[in-house]
Amino acid sequence: MSEERKVVGEYKAVRQDYEWDASIFNDEPERVARVKEIIATRLTEPERILFIMYTDCGSLRLLARRLGLSHTTLNAEIRRIRKIILAEYYKTAEKK
């Protein structure tokens, strides 16, 4: 199996595992629900998939190797995505 097929397979599995479902909020604290909603609605699909793959993998270097990227490039993207999530989180927190 080629490396590209492996990455595509992992992407499809992650996408299916993390498909948006409003009912997931029923048993969670409000702040967790807000973060999940931000990830699902405010990030672009590539940002969302990359962030979920990163959190699922748990290792920046390992994920970078799997995706064929440098860890510094991946780190910059993850930091940018985190900033988006935090900015949206605090913006919605101020409205409440």
Protein backbone atom coordinates (compact mmCIF):
# COMPACT_ATOMS: atom_id res chain seq x y z
CA MET A 1 0.00 0.00 0.00
CA SER A 2 1.44 3.34 -0.97
CA GLU A 3 2.06 6.00 1.64
CA GLU A 4 -0.49 8.26 -0.05
CA ARG A 5 -3.20 5.60 0.19
CA LYS A 6 -2.38 5.10 3.86
CA VAL A 7 -2.75 8.83 4.59
CA VAL A 8 -6.02 8.98 2.63
CA GLY A 9 -7.29 5.96 4.56
CA GLU A 10 -6.41 7.60 7.88
CA TYR A 11 -8.09 10.81 6.76
CA LYS A 12 -11.31 8.97 5.85
CA ALA A 13 -11.34 7.11 9.16
CA VAL A 14 -10.81 10.33 11.14
CA ARG A 15 -13.45 12.15 9.12
CA GLN A 16 -15.97 9.41 9.80
CA ASP A 17 -15.09 9.23 13.52
CA TYR A 18 -15.48 12.97 13.99
CA GLU A 19 -18.50 13.66 11.81
CA TRP A 20 -20.59 16.53 13.19
CA ASP A 21 -23.40 15.32 15.43
CA ALA A 22 -25.23 17.83 17.63
CA SER A 23 -26.27 15.10 20.08
CA ILE A 24 -22.68 14.77 21.33
CA PHE A 25 -23.25 17.85 23.44
CA ASN A 26 -25.87 16.28 25.68
CA ASP A 27 -23.55 14.89 28.37
CA GLU A 28 -20.60 17.27 28.21
CA PRO A 29 -19.68 20.43 30.06
CA GLU A 30 -20.61 23.60 28.24
CA ARG A 31 -17.01 24.64 27.54
CA VAL A 32 -16.17 21.31 25.90
CA ALA A 33 -19.30 21.58 23.80
CA ARG A 34 -18.30 25.11 22.73
CA VAL A 35 -14.82 23.99 21.70
CA LYS A 36 -16.23 21.09 19.69
CA GLU A 37 -18.71 23.40 18.01
CA ILE A 38 -15.93 25.83 17.11
CA ILE A 39 -13.82 23.04 15.66
CA ALA A 40 -16.79 21.74 13.67
CA THR A 41 -18.13 25.05 12.41
CA ARG A 42 -15.38 27.68 12.39
CA LEU A 43 -12.44 25.74 10.96
CA THR A 44 -12.14 24.82 7.33
CA GLU A 45 -12.30 21.13 6.57
CA PRO A 46 -8.52 20.79 6.03
CA GLU A 47 -7.85 22.68 9.30
CA ARG A 48 -10.34 20.53 11.17
CA ILE A 49 -8.95 17.25 9.83
CA LEU A 50 -5.35 18.30 10.49
CA PHE A 51 -6.16 19.37 14.05
CA ILE A 52 -8.10 16.19 14.78
CA MET A 53 -5.33 14.04 13.32
CA TYR A 54 -2.83 15.89 15.50
CA THR A 55 -4.86 15.42 18.68
CA ASP A 56 -5.53 11.79 17.80
CA CYS A 57 -1.88 11.08 16.99
CA GLY A 58 -0.52 12.94 20.01
CA SER A 59 2.86 13.53 18.44
CA LEU A 60 3.72 16.41 16.16
CA ARG A 61 6.81 14.70 14.78
CA LEU A 62 5.05 11.39 14.16
CA LEU A 63 2.16 13.07 12.33
CA ALA A 64 4.57 15.21 10.31
CA ARG A 65 6.41 12.06 9.24
CA ARG A 66 3.13 10.34 8.29
CA LEU A 67 2.03 13.33 6.23
CA GLY A 68 5.44 13.90 4.67
CA LEU A 69 5.80 17.39 6.16
CA SER A 70 8.49 18.98 8.26
CA HIS A 71 7.57 19.17 11.93
CA THR A 72 8.22 22.92 11.94
CA THR A 73 5.69 23.46 9.15
CA LEU A 74 3.14 21.29 10.91
CA ASN A 75 3.82 23.03 14.22
CA ALA A 76 3.17 26.43 12.64
CA GLU A 77 -0.15 25.21 11.21
CA ILE A 78 -1.26 23.66 14.50
CA ARG A 79 -0.38 26.86 16.38
CA ARG A 80 -2.37 28.91 13.86
CA ILE A 81 -5.38 26.61 14.23
CA ARG A 82 -5.15 26.80 18.03
CA LYS A 83 -5.20 30.59 17.83
CA ILE A 84 -8.38 30.45 15.75
CA ILE A 85 -10.04 28.12 18.24
CA LEU A 86 -9.02 30.22 21.25
CA ALA A 87 -10.07 33.49 19.61
CA GLU A 88 -13.50 32.06 18.76
CA TYR A 89 -13.84 30.52 22.22
CA TYR A 90 -13.20 33.80 24.00
CA LYS A 91 -15.38 35.69 21.55
CA THR A 92 -18.34 33.39 22.31
CA ALA A 93 -17.56 33.47 26.05
CA GLU A 94 -17.80 37.28 26.06
CA LYS A 95 -21.24 37.16 24.43
CA LYS A 96 -22.64 35.02 27.26
